[in-house]
């Protein structure tokens, strides 16, 4: 038997939105959704009833200040590391990769 896979996207979306201190409706409106449906649409994404297409996911990531890959991190530590890596310059990331490979 296989374990049921849990989609991390709804949880990560909610975490990122709450970290920004904005409501579902505010985020939806900032993404260009109609004010009357923004909250419901965002709620469907956060509940996992619907999955946004890549363009919408990218817009969400940009608005929330996280990389798109953040939404797919299964562990908290990976999500945190990814966000920290994203804040680094390319040179800093390259140096870190060298250091990790060396150890």
Protein backbone atom coordinates (compact mmCIF):
# COMPACT_ATOMS: atom_id res chain seq x y z
CA UNK A 1 0.00 0.00 0.00
CA UNK A 2 1.17 3.50 -0.74
CA UNK A 3 0.88 6.41 1.65
CA UNK A 4 -1.39 9.20 0.58
CA UNK A 5 0.69 12.10 -0.66
CA UNK A 6 -0.14 15.45 0.91
CA UNK A 7 0.16 18.49 -1.31
CA UNK A 8 2.24 21.05 0.62
CA UNK A 9 1.04 23.98 -1.53
CA UNK A 10 -2.09 24.93 0.46
CA UNK A 11 -0.20 25.02 3.75
CA UNK A 12 2.77 26.95 2.33
CA UNK A 13 0.47 29.46 0.63
CA UNK A 14 -1.36 30.12 3.89
CA UNK A 15 1.91 30.38 5.85
CA UNK A 16 3.41 32.87 3.41
CA UNK A 17 0.24 34.97 3.30
CA UNK A 18 -0.05 35.07 7.09
CA UNK A 19 3.65 35.97 7.39
CA UNK A 20 2.91 38.99 5.20
CA UNK A 21 -0.02 39.89 7.46
CA UNK A 22 -2.59 40.12 4.68
CA UNK A 23 -6.01 38.56 4.24
CA UNK A 24 -7.02 36.13 1.52
CA UNK A 25 -9.09 38.90 -0.05
CA UNK A 26 -6.18 41.38 0.01
CA UNK A 27 -3.85 38.90 -1.64
CA UNK A 28 -6.41 38.03 -4.29
CA UNK A 29 -7.01 41.68 -5.10
CA UNK A 30 -3.25 42.36 -5.24
CA UNK A 31 -3.05 39.50 -7.77
CA UNK A 32 -5.71 41.15 -9.93
CA UNK A 33 -8.73 39.10 -8.90
CA UNK A 34 -12.18 40.66 -8.71
CA UNK A 35 -12.81 41.96 -5.17
CA UNK A 36 -16.08 40.04 -4.93
CA UNK A 37 -14.45 36.66 -5.60
CA UNK A 38 -10.87 37.18 -4.40
CA UNK A 39 -11.38 35.77 -0.91
CA UNK A 40 -13.26 32.69 -2.13
CA UNK A 41 -10.68 31.95 -4.82
CA UNK A 42 -7.78 32.25 -2.40
CA UNK A 43 -9.66 30.11 0.12
CA UNK A 44 -10.03 27.37 -2.49
CA UNK A 45 -6.27 27.45 -3.11
CA UNK A 46 -5.50 27.35 0.62
CA UNK A 47 -7.93 24.47 1.20
CA UNK A 48 -6.50 22.51 -1.74
CA UNK A 49 -9.81 22.45 -3.60
CA UNK A 50 -8.17 24.08 -6.61
CA UNK A 51 -4.55 24.38 -7.69
CA UNK A 52 -3.38 27.60 -9.32
CA UNK A 53 -1.72 27.45 -12.72
CA UNK A 54 1.97 28.32 -12.92
CA UNK A 55 1.43 31.96 -13.89
CA UNK A 56 -0.85 32.50 -10.89
CA UNK A 57 1.53 30.61 -8.62
CA UNK A 58 4.44 32.75 -9.83
CA UNK A 59 2.42 35.92 -9.21
CA UNK A 60 1.58 34.67 -5.70
CA UNK A 61 5.23 33.89 -5.00
CA UNK A 62 6.32 37.32 -6.19
CA UNK A 63 3.64 39.06 -4.14
CA UNK A 64 4.50 37.05 -1.02
CA UNK A 65 8.27 37.33 -1.43
CA UNK A 66 8.99 33.61 -1.70
CA UNK A 67 10.38 31.49 -4.54
CA UNK A 68 7.84 29.35 -6.41
CA UNK A 69 9.61 26.20 -5.19
CA UNK A 70 8.72 27.23 -1.61
CA UNK A 71 5.14 26.10 -2.23
CA UNK A 72 6.34 22.55 -2.87
CA UNK A 73 8.66 22.08 0.12
CA UNK A 74 7.53 19.16 2.22
CA UNK A 75 9.49 20.08 5.34
CA UNK A 76 9.67 23.30 7.31
CA UNK A 77 13.47 23.30 7.30
CA UNK A 78 13.65 22.93 3.51
CA UNK A 79 11.15 25.77 3.08
CA UNK A 80 13.16 27.99 5.40
CA UNK A 81 16.46 27.13 3.72
CA UNK A 82 15.01 27.82 0.30
CA UNK A 83 13.87 31.27 1.37
CA UNK A 84 17.27 32.02 2.89
CA UNK A 85 19.03 30.84 -0.29
CA UNK A 86 16.80 33.04 -2.40
CA UNK A 87 17.93 36.11 -0.44
CA UNK A 88 21.58 35.38 -1.19
CA UNK A 89 23.44 36.67 -4.21
CA UNK A 90 24.48 34.23 -6.92
CA UNK A 91 28.10 34.54 -5.76
CA UNK A 92 27.12 33.75 -2.16
CA UNK A 93 25.13 30.70 -3.31
CA UNK A 94 28.03 29.48 -5.45
CA UNK A 95 30.40 29.85 -2.48
CA UNK A 96 27.99 27.94 -0.27
CA UNK A 97 27.71 25.12 -2.82
CA UNK A 98 31.51 24.88 -2.94
CA UNK A 99 31.69 24.79 0.85
CA UNK A 100 29.05 22.09 1.15
CA UNK A 101 30.67 19.94 -1.54
CA UNK A 102 34.06 20.36 0.13
CA UNK A 103 32.84 19.18 3.55
